[in-house]
Amino acid sequence: MSLRTFGLCTATAFVMSGLAIGQMDHTNMGHSAAAPTATGPAAEAQRGYAALKVNILKAADTMPAEDYSVKPTPEVRTFARVVNHITEAQIHSCGAANGTKDMAKVPADTANKAEIVEGLKASYAECDKAYAALTDTNLTEMFTVGKAQRSRIGLMWGNVSHDNEQYATLALYMRLKGLVPPSSEK
């Protein structure tokens, strides 16, 4: 199997595994007709990323500063650690896709909420560039990430998948504090 065929098969698997992420059809929900939605693997990854970005940023903003040190049990991470973990992963994945040499620094888990949210926003700025550069023609481009080779679509869908996992953790912490996670707001 050629590298291109392998890359296309891998991209298809990522796309199929994440089709439901970030996709909503508003045509039957009383909303006005929207512009046609772009299609294709790149557009699907971009929509998944955009939906999670909104939810994660809103979760980080909604959680009160005094609850950034919350952890459901002594063995698990704090809310701040989960947010910083998202920041670290995004800087790593999106920085690799962008070819960024000087990666941003992640604040300490004990930093104040404003610093942690600022770090998260900086990681989203790095990812915004990476997702904007993603096209259906370059999704099989390969990158060296650590000791591994990753395709551009693999990096991007990997980021979406990871953000989705971490958002679920943030949502749980919010519920434990009596807050409604952004994806559950009406």
N, C-alpha and C. Protein backbone atom coordinates (compact mmCIF):
# COMPACT_ATOMS: atom_id res chain seq x y z
N MET A 1 0.86 -1.17 0.00
CA MET A 1 0.00 0.00 0.00
C MET A 1 0.91 1.23 0.00
N SER A 2 0.60 2.20 -0.85
CA SER A 2 1.42 3.41 -0.94
C SER A 2 1.17 4.30 0.28
N LEU A 3 2.11 5.21 0.54
CA LEU A 3 1.97 6.15 1.64
C LEU A 3 0.74 7.02 1.45
N ARG A 4 0.48 7.42 0.21
CA ARG A 4 -0.71 8.25 -0.06
C ARG A 4 -1.99 7.48 0.24
N THR A 5 -2.07 6.23 -0.20
CA THR A 5 -3.25 5.41 0.06
C THR A 5 -3.41 5.19 1.56
N PHE A 6 -2.32 4.89 2.23
CA PHE A 6 -2.37 4.71 3.68
C PHE A 6 -2.87 5.98 4.35
N GLY A 7 -2.34 7.13 3.91
CA GLY A 7 -2.76 8.42 4.48
C GLY A 7 -4.24 8.68 4.27
N LEU A 8 -4.73 8.41 3.08
CA LEU A 8 -6.15 8.62 2.80
C LEU A 8 -7.02 7.68 3.62
N CYS A 9 -6.58 6.44 3.78
CA CYS A 9 -7.34 5.49 4.62
C CYS A 9 -7.36 5.96 6.07
N THR A 10 -6.20 6.42 6.55
CA THR A 10 -6.12 6.92 7.92
C THR A 10 -7.02 8.13 8.10
N ALA A 11 -6.97 9.05 7.14
CA ALA A 11 -7.80 10.25 7.22
C ALA A 11 -9.27 9.87 7.24
N THR A 12 -9.66 8.93 6.39
CA THR A 12 -11.05 8.50 6.36
C THR A 12 -11.47 7.90 7.70
N ALA A 13 -10.60 7.13 8.31
CA ALA A 13 -10.93 6.54 9.62
C ALA A 13 -11.12 7.63 10.66
N PHE A 14 -10.25 8.64 10.66
CA PHE A 14 -10.41 9.73 11.62
C PHE A 14 -11.71 10.47 11.38
N VAL A 15 -12.01 10.73 10.12
CA VAL A 15 -13.23 11.46 9.80
C VAL A 15 -14.45 10.67 10.24
N MET A 16 -14.47 9.40 9.91
CA MET A 16 -15.63 8.57 10.26
C MET A 16 -15.82 8.47 11.77
N SER A 17 -14.70 8.48 12.51
CA SER A 17 -14.81 8.36 13.97
C SER A 17 -15.29 9.64 14.61
N GLY A 18 -15.21 10.75 13.90
CA GLY A 18 -15.59 12.01 14.51
C GLY A 18 -16.67 12.77 13.78
N LEU A 19 -17.44 12.11 12.94
CA LEU A 19 -18.44 12.82 12.15
C LEU A 19 -19.44 13.60 12.99
N ALA A 20 -19.82 13.07 14.13
CA ALA A 20 -20.86 13.72 14.92
C ALA A 20 -20.36 14.93 15.70
N ILE A 21 -19.05 15.05 15.87
CA ILE A 21 -18.51 16.14 16.68
C ILE A 21 -18.72 17.46 15.96
N GLY A 22 -19.37 18.36 16.61
CA GLY A 22 -19.48 19.72 16.11
C GLY A 22 -20.42 19.91 14.94
N GLN A 23 -21.18 18.91 14.58
CA GLN A 23 -22.07 19.07 13.44
C GLN A 23 -23.50 19.20 13.92
N MET A 24 -24.14 20.29 13.52
CA MET A 24 -25.53 20.49 13.87
C MET A 24 -26.26 20.98 12.63
N ASP A 25 -27.45 20.49 12.42
CA ASP A 25 -28.28 20.93 11.31
C ASP A 25 -29.34 21.85 11.90
N HIS A 26 -29.24 23.13 11.62
CA HIS A 26 -30.17 24.11 12.17
C HIS A 26 -31.38 24.34 11.27
N THR A 27 -31.48 23.65 10.17
CA THR A 27 -32.55 23.94 9.21
C THR A 27 -33.93 23.67 9.79
N ASN A 28 -34.07 22.75 10.69
CA ASN A 28 -35.37 22.43 11.25
C ASN A 28 -35.51 22.91 12.69
N MET A 29 -34.68 23.84 13.11
CA MET A 29 -34.69 24.30 14.49
C MET A 29 -35.19 25.74 14.60
N GLY A 30 -35.85 26.25 13.59
CA GLY A 30 -36.39 27.60 13.64
C GLY A 30 -35.35 28.67 13.35
N HIS A 31 -34.17 28.30 12.94
CA HIS A 31 -33.13 29.27 12.60
C HIS A 31 -33.24 29.63 11.13
N SER A 32 -32.79 30.82 10.80
CA SER A 32 -32.81 31.20 9.39
C SER A 32 -31.80 30.36 8.63
N ALA A 33 -32.01 30.28 7.35
CA ALA A 33 -31.12 29.47 6.52
C ALA A 33 -29.71 30.05 6.56
N ALA A 34 -28.74 29.20 6.77
CA ALA A 34 -27.35 29.62 6.83
C ALA A 34 -26.69 29.39 5.48
N ALA A 35 -25.53 29.98 5.33
CA ALA A 35 -24.75 29.76 4.11
C ALA A 35 -24.43 28.28 4.02
N PRO A 36 -24.24 27.78 2.81
CA PRO A 36 -23.90 26.36 2.66
C PRO A 36 -22.66 26.02 3.49
N THR A 37 -22.71 24.87 4.11
CA THR A 37 -21.61 24.40 4.95
C THR A 37 -20.56 23.73 4.07
N ALA A 38 -19.31 24.10 4.29
CA ALA A 38 -18.22 23.46 3.55
C ALA A 38 -18.22 21.97 3.88
N THR A 39 -17.83 21.18 2.91
CA THR A 39 -17.78 19.74 3.11
C THR A 39 -16.36 19.23 2.92
N GLY A 40 -16.15 18.00 3.27
CA GLY A 40 -14.85 17.37 3.11
C GLY A 40 -14.17 17.15 4.45
N PRO A 41 -13.14 16.34 4.46
CA PRO A 41 -12.45 16.01 5.71
C PRO A 41 -11.90 17.22 6.46
N ALA A 42 -11.31 18.18 5.76
CA ALA A 42 -10.76 19.35 6.44
C ALA A 42 -11.88 20.15 7.11
N ALA A 43 -12.96 20.37 6.42
CA ALA A 43 -14.08 21.13 6.98
C ALA A 43 -14.69 20.42 8.19
N GLU A 44 -14.76 19.11 8.14
CA GLU A 44 -15.30 18.35 9.27
C GLU A 44 -14.42 18.51 10.50
N ALA A 45 -13.11 18.43 10.33
CA ALA A 45 -12.19 18.63 11.45
C ALA A 45 -12.29 20.06 11.97
N GLN A 46 -12.39 21.02 11.09
CA GLN A 46 -12.50 22.42 11.49
C GLN A 46 -13.77 22.67 12.29
N ARG A 47 -14.89 22.08 11.88
CA ARG A 47 -16.15 22.23 12.63
C ARG A 47 -16.06 21.58 14.00
N GLY A 48 -15.46 20.39 14.08
CA GLY A 48 -15.30 19.74 15.37
C GLY A 48 -14.46 20.58 16.32
N TYR A 49 -13.36 21.10 15.82
CA TYR A 49 -12.48 21.96 16.61
C TYR A 49 -13.23 23.21 17.09
N ALA A 50 -13.95 23.87 16.18
CA ALA A 50 -14.64 25.11 16.52
C ALA A 50 -15.69 24.90 17.61
N ALA A 51 -16.43 23.81 17.54
CA ALA A 51 -17.47 23.53 18.54
C ALA A 51 -16.85 23.29 19.91
N LEU A 52 -15.78 22.52 19.95
CA LEU A 52 -15.12 22.25 21.23
C LEU A 52 -14.45 23.49 21.79
N LYS A 53 -13.89 24.31 20.93
CA LYS A 53 -13.23 25.54 21.38
C LYS A 53 -14.22 26.41 22.16
N VAL A 54 -15.39 26.61 21.61
CA VAL A 54 -16.42 27.42 22.28
C VAL A 54 -16.73 26.84 23.66
N ASN A 55 -16.97 25.53 23.73
CA ASN A 55 -17.34 24.90 24.99
C ASN A 55 -16.22 24.93 26.02
N ILE A 56 -15.00 24.66 25.60
CA ILE A 56 -13.88 24.64 26.55
C ILE A 56 -13.59 26.04 27.07
N LEU A 57 -13.57 27.03 26.19
CA LEU A 57 -13.33 28.40 26.66
C LEU A 57 -14.42 28.88 27.60
N LYS A 58 -15.65 28.53 27.30
CA LYS A 58 -16.76 28.95 28.16
C LYS A 58 -16.69 28.21 29.50
N ALA A 59 -16.32 26.95 29.49
CA ALA A 59 -16.19 26.20 30.76
C ALA A 59 -15.10 26.83 31.62
N ALA A 60 -13.97 27.16 31.01
CA ALA A 60 -12.86 27.77 31.74
C ALA A 60 -13.28 29.12 32.31
N ASP A 61 -14.07 29.86 31.55
CA ASP A 61 -14.53 31.17 32.00
C ASP A 61 -15.59 31.06 33.09
N THR A 62 -16.48 30.08 32.96
CA THR A 62 -17.61 29.94 33.90
C THR A 62 -17.18 29.44 35.28
N MET A 63 -16.21 28.54 35.33
CA MET A 63 -15.78 28.01 36.63
C MET A 63 -15.19 29.15 37.46
N PRO A 64 -15.72 29.36 38.67
CA PRO A 64 -15.19 30.43 39.53
C PRO A 64 -13.71 30.19 39.85
N ALA A 65 -12.98 31.27 40.01
CA ALA A 65 -11.54 31.19 40.28
C ALA A 65 -11.22 30.32 41.49
N GLU A 66 -12.02 30.42 42.52
CA GLU A 66 -11.75 29.64 43.75
C GLU A 66 -11.96 28.14 43.53
N ASP A 67 -12.62 27.76 42.45
CA ASP A 67 -12.85 26.35 42.17
C ASP A 67 -11.86 25.76 41.17
N TYR A 68 -10.87 26.51 40.75
CA TYR A 68 -9.84 25.97 39.87
C TYR A 68 -9.00 24.93 40.59
N SER A 69 -9.02 24.93 41.91
CA SER A 69 -8.26 23.94 42.67
C SER A 69 -9.10 22.72 43.04
N VAL A 70 -10.34 22.67 42.55
CA VAL A 70 -11.25 21.55 42.85
C VAL A 70 -10.74 20.27 42.22
N LYS A 71 -10.83 19.19 42.99
CA LYS A 71 -10.58 17.85 42.47
C LYS A 71 -11.58 16.93 43.17
N PRO A 72 -12.30 16.12 42.41
CA PRO A 72 -13.34 15.27 43.00
C PRO A 72 -12.83 14.32 44.08
N THR A 73 -11.65 13.79 43.90
CA THR A 73 -11.01 12.94 44.91
C THR A 73 -9.54 13.33 44.96
N PRO A 74 -8.86 13.00 46.04
CA PRO A 74 -7.44 13.38 46.15
C PRO A 74 -6.54 12.83 45.05
N GLU A 75 -6.94 11.73 44.42
CA GLU A 75 -6.09 11.08 43.41
C GLU A 75 -6.18 11.70 42.02
N VAL A 76 -7.14 12.57 41.77
CA VAL A 76 -7.34 13.08 40.42
C VAL A 76 -6.85 14.52 40.28
N ARG A 77 -6.81 14.97 39.04
CA ARG A 77 -6.31 16.31 38.73
C ARG A 77 -7.29 17.40 39.16
N THR A 78 -6.74 18.59 39.37
CA THR A 78 -7.59 19.75 39.64
C THR A 78 -8.18 20.25 38.32
N PHE A 79 -9.19 21.09 38.43
CA PHE A 79 -9.76 21.73 37.25
C PHE A 79 -8.67 22.49 36.50
N ALA A 80 -7.82 23.23 37.23
CA ALA A 80 -6.72 23.97 36.61
C ALA A 80 -5.78 23.05 35.85
N ARG A 81 -5.48 21.87 36.39
CA ARG A 81 -4.57 20.93 35.73
C ARG A 81 -5.17 20.44 34.42
N VAL A 82 -6.50 20.21 34.42
CA VAL A 82 -7.16 19.75 33.19
C VAL A 82 -7.08 20.85 32.12
N VAL A 83 -7.35 22.09 32.51
CA VAL A 83 -7.26 23.19 31.55
C VAL A 83 -5.83 23.31 31.03
N ASN A 84 -4.85 23.24 31.92
CA ASN A 84 -3.46 23.32 31.49
C ASN A 84 -3.06 22.14 30.61
N HIS A 85 -3.63 20.98 30.88
CA HIS A 85 -3.35 19.81 30.05
C HIS A 85 -3.86 20.04 28.62
N ILE A 86 -5.03 20.63 28.49
CA ILE A 86 -5.55 20.98 27.16
C ILE A 86 -4.58 21.94 26.48
N THR A 87 -4.15 22.94 27.22
CA THR A 87 -3.20 23.93 26.69
C THR A 87 -1.93 23.25 26.19
N GLU A 88 -1.35 22.38 27.01
CA GLU A 88 -0.12 21.66 26.64
C GLU A 88 -0.31 20.83 25.37
N ALA A 89 -1.39 20.08 25.33
CA ALA A 89 -1.63 19.20 24.18
C ALA A 89 -1.84 20.00 22.91
N GLN A 90 -2.56 21.11 23.01
CA GLN A 90 -2.81 21.93 21.82
C GLN A 90 -1.53 22.59 21.33
N ILE A 91 -0.73 23.08 22.24
CA ILE A 91 0.55 23.68 21.85
C ILE A 91 1.40 22.64 21.14
N HIS A 92 1.40 21.41 21.66
CA HIS A 92 2.19 20.33 21.08
C HIS A 92 1.69 19.96 19.68
N SER A 93 0.42 19.63 19.56
CA SER A 93 -0.14 19.18 18.28
C SER A 93 -0.19 20.29 17.24
N CYS A 94 -0.77 21.41 17.61
CA CYS A 94 -0.92 22.49 16.64
C CYS A 94 0.42 23.15 16.34
N GLY A 95 1.28 23.22 17.34
CA GLY A 95 2.62 23.74 17.10
C GLY A 95 3.38 22.88 16.11
N ALA A 96 3.22 21.57 16.21
CA ALA A 96 3.87 20.66 15.25
C ALA A 96 3.34 20.90 13.84
N ALA A 97 2.03 21.04 13.70
CA ALA A 97 1.43 21.28 12.39
C ALA A 97 1.87 22.62 11.81
N ASN A 98 2.10 23.60 12.68
CA ASN A 98 2.51 24.93 12.23
C ASN A 98 4.02 25.07 12.06
N GLY A 99 4.77 24.07 12.54
CA GLY A 99 6.22 24.17 12.49
C GLY A 99 6.76 25.18 13.49
N THR A 100 6.02 25.43 14.57
CA THR A 100 6.42 26.39 15.59
C THR A 100 7.62 25.85 16.36
N LYS A 101 8.66 26.64 16.42
CA LYS A 101 9.88 26.22 17.11
C LYS A 101 9.86 26.62 18.59
N ASP A 102 9.47 27.85 18.87
CA ASP A 102 9.43 28.34 20.25
C ASP A 102 8.02 28.20 20.79
N MET A 103 7.79 27.08 21.47
CA MET A 103 6.46 26.79 22.00
C MET A 103 6.16 27.70 23.20
N ALA A 104 4.91 28.11 23.32
CA ALA A 104 4.48 28.93 24.45
C ALA A 104 4.63 28.15 25.74
N LYS A 105 4.81 28.86 26.82
CA LYS A 105 4.92 28.24 28.14
C LYS A 105 3.54 28.13 28.77
N VAL A 106 3.31 27.02 29.44
CA VAL A 106 2.04 26.78 30.11
C VAL A 106 2.18 27.27 31.55
N PRO A 107 1.18 28.01 32.06
CA PRO A 107 1.27 28.48 33.45
C PRO A 107 1.26 27.32 34.44
N ALA A 108 1.73 27.58 35.63
CA ALA A 108 1.69 26.57 36.69
C ALA A 108 0.24 26.25 37.03
N ASP A 109 0.01 25.05 37.50
CA ASP A 109 -1.35 24.65 37.89
C ASP A 109 -1.86 25.50 39.06
N THR A 110 -0.95 26.11 39.79
CA THR A 110 -1.33 26.95 40.93
C THR A 110 -1.45 28.42 40.54
N ALA A 111 -1.25 28.74 39.26
CA ALA A 111 -1.40 30.13 38.81
C ALA A 111 -2.86 30.55 38.97
N ASN A 112 -3.10 31.84 38.90
CA ASN A 112 -4.48 32.29 39.05
C ASN A 112 -5.27 31.99 37.77
N LYS A 113 -6.57 32.05 37.89
CA LYS A 113 -7.47 31.72 36.79
C LYS A 113 -7.14 32.54 35.54
N ALA A 114 -6.91 33.83 35.70
CA ALA A 114 -6.65 34.69 34.54
C ALA A 114 -5.42 34.22 33.76
N GLU A 115 -4.36 33.82 34.45
CA GLU A 115 -3.16 33.35 33.78
C GLU A 115 -3.41 32.01 33.06
N ILE A 116 -4.17 31.14 33.70
CA ILE A 116 -4.46 29.83 33.11
C ILE A 116 -5.33 30.00 31.86
N VAL A 117 -6.34 30.87 31.94
CA VAL A 117 -7.20 31.12 30.78
C VAL A 117 -6.42 31.81 29.67
N GLU A 118 -5.51 32.71 30.02
CA GLU A 118 -4.67 33.36 29.02
C GLU A 118 -3.81 32.33 28.29
N GLY A 119 -3.26 31.36 29.02
CA GLY A 119 -2.49 30.29 28.40
C GLY A 119 -3.35 29.45 27.47
N LEU A 120 -4.57 29.15 27.90
CA LEU A 120 -5.50 28.37 27.07
C LEU A 120 -5.81 29.13 25.78
N LYS A 121 -6.07 30.42 25.89
CA LYS A 121 -6.36 31.22 24.70
C LYS A 121 -5.16 31.27 23.76
N ALA A 122 -3.96 31.32 24.31
CA ALA A 122 -2.75 31.31 23.47
C ALA A 122 -2.64 29.99 22.71
N SER A 123 -3.01 28.88 23.36
CA SER A 123 -2.97 27.59 22.67
C SER A 123 -4.02 27.54 21.56
N TYR A 124 -5.16 28.18 21.79
CA TYR A 124 -6.18 28.25 20.74
C TYR A 124 -5.71 29.12 19.58
N ALA A 125 -4.95 30.15 19.85
CA ALA A 125 -4.41 30.98 18.76
C ALA A 125 -3.48 30.13 17.88
N GLU A 126 -2.68 29.26 18.51
CA GLU A 126 -1.80 28.35 17.76
C GLU A 126 -2.64 27.38 16.94
N CYS A 127 -3.70 26.85 17.54
CA CYS A 127 -4.55 25.90 16.83
C CYS A 127 -5.39 26.57 15.74
N ASP A 128 -5.81 27.80 15.97
CA ASP A 128 -6.56 28.51 14.93
C ASP A 128 -5.75 28.55 13.64
N LYS A 129 -4.45 28.81 13.75
CA LYS A 129 -3.58 28.84 12.57
C LYS A 129 -3.49 27.45 11.93
N ALA A 130 -3.36 26.43 12.76
CA ALA A 130 -3.21 25.06 12.23
C ALA A 130 -4.48 24.62 11.51
N TYR A 131 -5.65 24.89 12.09
CA TYR A 131 -6.89 24.48 11.45
C TYR A 131 -7.19 25.32 10.21
N ALA A 132 -6.81 26.59 10.22
CA ALA A 132 -7.01 27.44 9.04
C ALA A 132 -6.16 26.95 7.87
N ALA A 133 -5.02 26.36 8.17
CA ALA A 133 -4.12 25.86 7.12
C ALA A 133 -4.51 24.48 6.61
N LEU A 134 -5.43 23.81 7.29
CA LEU A 134 -5.84 22.46 6.91
C LEU A 134 -6.75 22.51 5.69
N THR A 135 -6.37 21.76 4.65
CA THR A 135 -7.18 21.66 3.44
C THR A 135 -7.30 20.19 3.05
N ASP A 136 -8.23 19.90 2.20
CA ASP A 136 -8.38 18.53 1.72
C ASP A 136 -7.17 18.07 0.91
N THR A 137 -6.41 18.99 0.39
CA THR A 137 -5.24 18.61 -0.41
C THR A 137 -3.98 18.40 0.42
N ASN A 138 -3.92 18.95 1.64
CA ASN A 138 -2.69 18.79 2.44
C ASN A 138 -2.87 17.89 3.67
N LEU A 139 -4.01 17.24 3.79
CA LEU A 139 -4.26 16.47 5.01
C LEU A 139 -3.39 15.24 5.18
N THR A 140 -2.75 14.78 4.13
CA THR A 140 -1.85 13.63 4.26
C THR A 140 -0.39 14.03 4.43
N GLU A 141 -0.13 15.33 4.48
CA GLU A 141 1.25 15.81 4.72
C GLU A 141 1.73 15.24 6.06
N MET A 142 2.96 14.77 6.07
CA MET A 142 3.50 14.10 7.25
C MET A 142 4.42 15.04 8.06
N PHE A 143 4.39 14.87 9.39
CA PHE A 143 5.18 15.64 10.32
C PHE A 143 5.87 14.70 11.29
N THR A 144 7.05 15.09 11.73
CA THR A 144 7.72 14.35 12.79
C THR A 144 7.31 14.99 14.11
N VAL A 145 6.71 14.19 14.97
CA VAL A 145 6.28 14.65 16.28
C VAL A 145 6.93 13.73 17.30
N GLY A 146 7.95 14.24 17.97
CA GLY A 146 8.73 13.37 18.85
C GLY A 146 9.42 12.33 18.00
N LYS A 147 9.18 11.06 18.31
CA LYS A 147 9.78 9.96 17.54
C LYS A 147 8.81 9.39 16.50
N ALA A 148 7.63 9.96 16.42
CA ALA A 148 6.59 9.43 15.53
C ALA A 148 6.40 10.30 14.29
N GLN A 149 5.84 9.70 13.26
CA GLN A 149 5.40 10.41 12.07
C GLN A 149 3.88 10.51 12.15
N ARG A 150 3.35 11.72 11.98
CA ARG A 150 1.90 11.93 12.03
C ARG A 150 1.46 12.71 10.80
N SER A 151 0.31 12.37 10.28
CA SER A 151 -0.26 13.14 9.16
C SER A 151 -0.91 14.40 9.72
N ARG A 152 -1.08 15.39 8.86
CA ARG A 152 -1.73 16.64 9.30
C ARG A 152 -3.14 16.33 9.82
N ILE A 153 -3.91 15.52 9.11
CA ILE A 153 -5.26 15.21 9.56
C ILE A 153 -5.23 14.39 10.85
N GLY A 154 -4.21 13.54 10.99
CA GLY A 154 -4.07 12.79 12.24
C GLY A 154 -3.83 13.70 13.42
N LEU A 155 -2.97 14.70 13.24
CA LEU A 155 -2.73 15.68 14.30
C LEU A 155 -4.00 16.44 14.65
N MET A 156 -4.71 16.87 13.63
CA MET A 156 -5.89 17.71 13.87
C MET A 156 -7.04 16.91 14.49
N TRP A 157 -7.31 15.70 13.95
CA TRP A 157 -8.38 14.89 14.55
C TRP A 157 -7.96 14.38 15.93
N GLY A 158 -6.67 14.13 16.10
CA GLY A 158 -6.18 13.74 17.42
C GLY A 158 -6.42 14.85 18.43
N ASN A 159 -6.22 16.09 18.01
CA ASN A 159 -6.48 17.23 18.89
C ASN A 159 -7.97 17.33 19.22
N VAL A 160 -8.82 17.19 18.22
CA VAL A 160 -10.27 17.24 18.45
C VAL A 160 -10.68 16.14 19.43
N SER A 161 -10.19 14.94 19.21
CA SER A 161 -10.53 13.82 20.08
C SER A 161 -10.07 14.08 21.52
N HIS A 162 -8.84 14.54 21.66
CA HIS A 162 -8.30 14.82 22.99
C HIS A 162 -9.09 15.94 23.67
N ASP A 163 -9.38 17.02 22.94
CA ASP A 163 -10.17 18.11 23.53
C ASP A 163 -11.55 17.63 23.96
N ASN A 164 -12.14 16.73 23.19
CA ASN A 164 -13.45 16.20 23.54
C ASN A 164 -13.38 15.42 24.86
N GLU A 165 -12.36 14.59 25.00
CA GLU A 165 -12.16 13.85 26.27
C GLU A 165 -12.01 14.80 27.44
N GLN A 166 -11.16 15.81 27.27
CA GLN A 166 -10.88 16.73 28.36
C GLN A 166 -12.08 17.61 28.67
N TYR A 167 -12.86 17.97 27.66
CA TYR A 167 -14.07 18.75 27.90
C TYR A 167 -15.04 17.94 28.77
N ALA A 168 -15.13 16.65 28.54
CA ALA A 168 -16.01 15.81 29.36
C ALA A 168 -15.58 15.89 30.83
N THR A 169 -14.29 15.92 31.08
CA THR A 169 -13.79 16.05 32.46
C THR A 169 -14.17 17.41 33.03
N LEU A 170 -13.96 18.47 32.26
CA LEU A 170 -14.33 19.80 32.73
C LEU A 170 -15.83 19.87 33.04
N ALA A 171 -16.65 19.27 32.17
CA ALA A 171 -18.10 19.27 32.37
C ALA A 171 -18.47 18.54 33.66
N LEU A 172 -17.80 17.44 33.94
CA LEU A 172 -18.06 16.70 35.19
C LEU A 172 -17.72 17.58 36.40
N TYR A 173 -16.58 18.21 36.37
CA TYR A 173 -16.18 19.08 37.48
C TYR A 173 -17.20 20.20 37.67
N MET A 174 -17.67 20.77 36.56
CA MET A 174 -18.67 21.83 36.64
C MET A 174 -19.95 21.31 37.30
N ARG A 175 -20.38 20.14 36.89
CA ARG A 175 -21.61 19.57 37.48
C ARG A 175 -21.44 19.31 38.98
N LEU A 176 -20.26 18.86 39.37
CA LEU A 176 -20.00 18.63 40.80
C LEU A 176 -20.08 19.93 41.60
N LYS A 177 -19.85 21.07 40.94
CA LYS A 177 -19.94 22.38 41.59
C LYS A 177 -21.30 23.03 41.37
N GLY A 178 -22.25 22.28 40.79
CA GLY A 178 -23.60 22.81 40.57
C GLY A 178 -23.72 23.73 39.36
N LEU A 179 -22.75 23.67 38.46
CA LEU A 179 -22.77 24.51 37.26
C LEU A 179 -23.20 23.69 36.05
N VAL A 180 -23.84 24.33 35.10
CA VAL A 180 -24.27 23.66 33.87
C VAL A 180 -23.17 23.82 32.83
N PRO A 181 -22.66 22.70 32.29
CA PRO A 181 -21.65 22.80 31.25
C PRO A 181 -22.19 23.50 30.01
N PRO A 182 -21.34 24.22 29.29
CA PRO A 182 -21.80 24.97 28.11
C PRO A 182 -22.58 24.14 27.09
N SER A 183 -22.17 22.90 26.86
CA SER A 183 -22.86 22.07 25.87
C SER A 183 -24.25 21.64 26.33
N SER A 184 -24.57 21.83 27.60
CA SER A 184 -25.89 21.45 28.12
C SER A 184 -26.80 22.65 28.35
N GLU A 185 -26.28 23.86 28.12
CA GLU A 185 -27.12 25.06 28.30
C GLU A 185 -28.22 25.08 27.27
N LYS A 186 -29.34 25.65 27.65
CA LYS A 186 -30.47 25.76 26.73
C LYS A 186 -30.65 27.19 26.32
